[in-house]
């Protein structure tokens, strides 16, 4: 449950970030707009890691660290989606 809880807590915002990035990419917006969900997720993960490491500590703090790690994984997936160049069909 130590990994399952943070993972399941990160799945919903992670899927939301991934779908939002895919939608921005589909609408062919600028790269800054496409990277916005990724950057906000990295900032949120950093804040959660700080809260878990400095403020809470112990096993509860480790759970916050795992949540931050899983959010970083979704942010990396979002980064890959945002920076992927579109294929041109001929």
Protein backbone atom coordinates (compact mmCIF):
# COMPACT_ATOMS: atom_id res chain seq x y z
CA UNK A 1 0.00 0.00 0.00
CA UNK A 2 3.02 2.25 0.41
CA UNK A 3 3.42 2.48 -3.37
CA UNK A 4 -0.16 1.73 -4.40
CA UNK A 5 -1.75 4.71 -2.68
CA UNK A 6 0.54 7.38 -4.15
CA UNK A 7 0.42 5.71 -7.56
CA UNK A 8 -3.36 5.66 -7.64
CA UNK A 9 -3.42 9.24 -6.38
CA UNK A 10 -1.10 10.28 -9.21
CA UNK A 11 -2.98 8.43 -11.95
CA UNK A 12 -5.95 10.82 -12.15
CA UNK A 13 -3.96 14.08 -12.42
CA UNK A 14 -1.41 12.30 -14.61
CA UNK A 15 -4.02 11.16 -17.09
CA UNK A 16 -5.55 14.64 -17.03
CA UNK A 17 -2.15 16.22 -17.81
CA UNK A 18 -1.46 13.72 -20.57
CA UNK A 19 -4.86 14.24 -22.23
CA UNK A 20 -4.55 18.02 -21.93
CA UNK A 21 -1.11 17.96 -23.55
CA UNK A 22 -2.37 15.70 -26.34
CA UNK A 23 -5.33 18.06 -26.93
CA UNK A 24 -3.01 21.10 -27.08
CA UNK A 25 -0.81 19.23 -29.55
CA UNK A 26 -3.81 18.26 -31.68
CA UNK A 27 -4.92 21.91 -31.83
CA UNK A 28 -1.39 22.81 -33.03
CA UNK A 29 -0.81 25.50 -30.41
CA UNK A 30 2.61 26.97 -29.67
CA UNK A 31 5.24 24.92 -27.87
CA UNK A 32 4.92 27.06 -24.74
CA UNK A 33 1.24 26.24 -24.40
CA UNK A 34 1.92 22.55 -25.05
CA UNK A 35 4.60 22.47 -22.35
CA UNK A 36 2.47 24.27 -19.75
CA UNK A 37 0.85 21.10 -18.25
CA UNK A 38 4.27 19.44 -18.05
CA UNK A 39 5.86 22.40 -16.27
CA UNK A 40 2.98 22.77 -13.82
CA UNK A 41 3.17 19.06 -13.00
CA UNK A 42 6.91 19.30 -12.33
CA UNK A 43 6.32 22.29 -10.03
CA UNK A 44 3.56 20.42 -8.18
CA UNK A 45 5.82 17.37 -7.82
CA UNK A 46 8.61 19.57 -6.44
CA UNK A 47 6.30 21.14 -3.89
CA UNK A 48 4.96 17.74 -2.83
CA UNK A 49 8.49 16.36 -2.47
CA UNK A 50 9.51 19.37 -0.38
CA UNK A 51 6.47 19.00 1.87
CA UNK A 52 7.12 15.28 2.32
CA UNK A 53 10.86 15.59 2.89
CA UNK A 54 11.09 18.72 5.03
CA UNK A 55 7.73 19.19 6.74
CA UNK A 56 6.22 15.75 7.30
CA UNK A 57 9.14 13.26 7.28
CA UNK A 58 8.88 9.57 8.12
CA UNK A 59 6.69 7.10 6.26
CA UNK A 60 4.04 9.68 5.45
CA UNK A 61 6.71 11.91 3.95
CA UNK A 62 7.96 8.98 1.90
CA UNK A 63 4.46 8.56 0.50
CA UNK A 64 4.56 12.20 -0.61
CA UNK A 65 7.94 11.48 -2.23
CA UNK A 66 6.51 8.52 -4.13
CA UNK A 67 3.56 10.66 -5.25
CA UNK A 68 6.01 13.29 -6.52
CA UNK A 69 7.98 10.60 -8.37
CA UNK A 70 4.89 9.24 -10.13
CA UNK A 71 3.82 12.77 -11.07
CA UNK A 72 7.28 13.31 -12.57
CA UNK A 73 6.79 10.18 -14.67
CA UNK A 74 3.53 11.59 -16.05
CA UNK A 75 5.23 14.96 -16.62
CA UNK A 76 7.94 13.20 -18.66
CA UNK A 77 5.29 11.43 -20.75
CA UNK A 78 3.60 14.80 -21.26
CA UNK A 79 6.94 16.30 -22.32
CA UNK A 80 7.41 13.57 -24.91
CA UNK A 81 3.91 14.15 -26.29
CA UNK A 82 4.40 17.93 -26.44
CA UNK A 83 7.78 17.87 -28.18
CA UNK A 84 7.02 15.04 -30.61
CA UNK A 85 7.11 16.39 -34.14
CA UNK A 86 3.98 15.69 -36.20
CA UNK A 87 4.33 13.22 -39.04
CA UNK A 88 3.51 14.47 -42.50
CA UNK A 89 1.46 12.03 -44.56
CA UNK A 90 2.18 12.07 -48.27
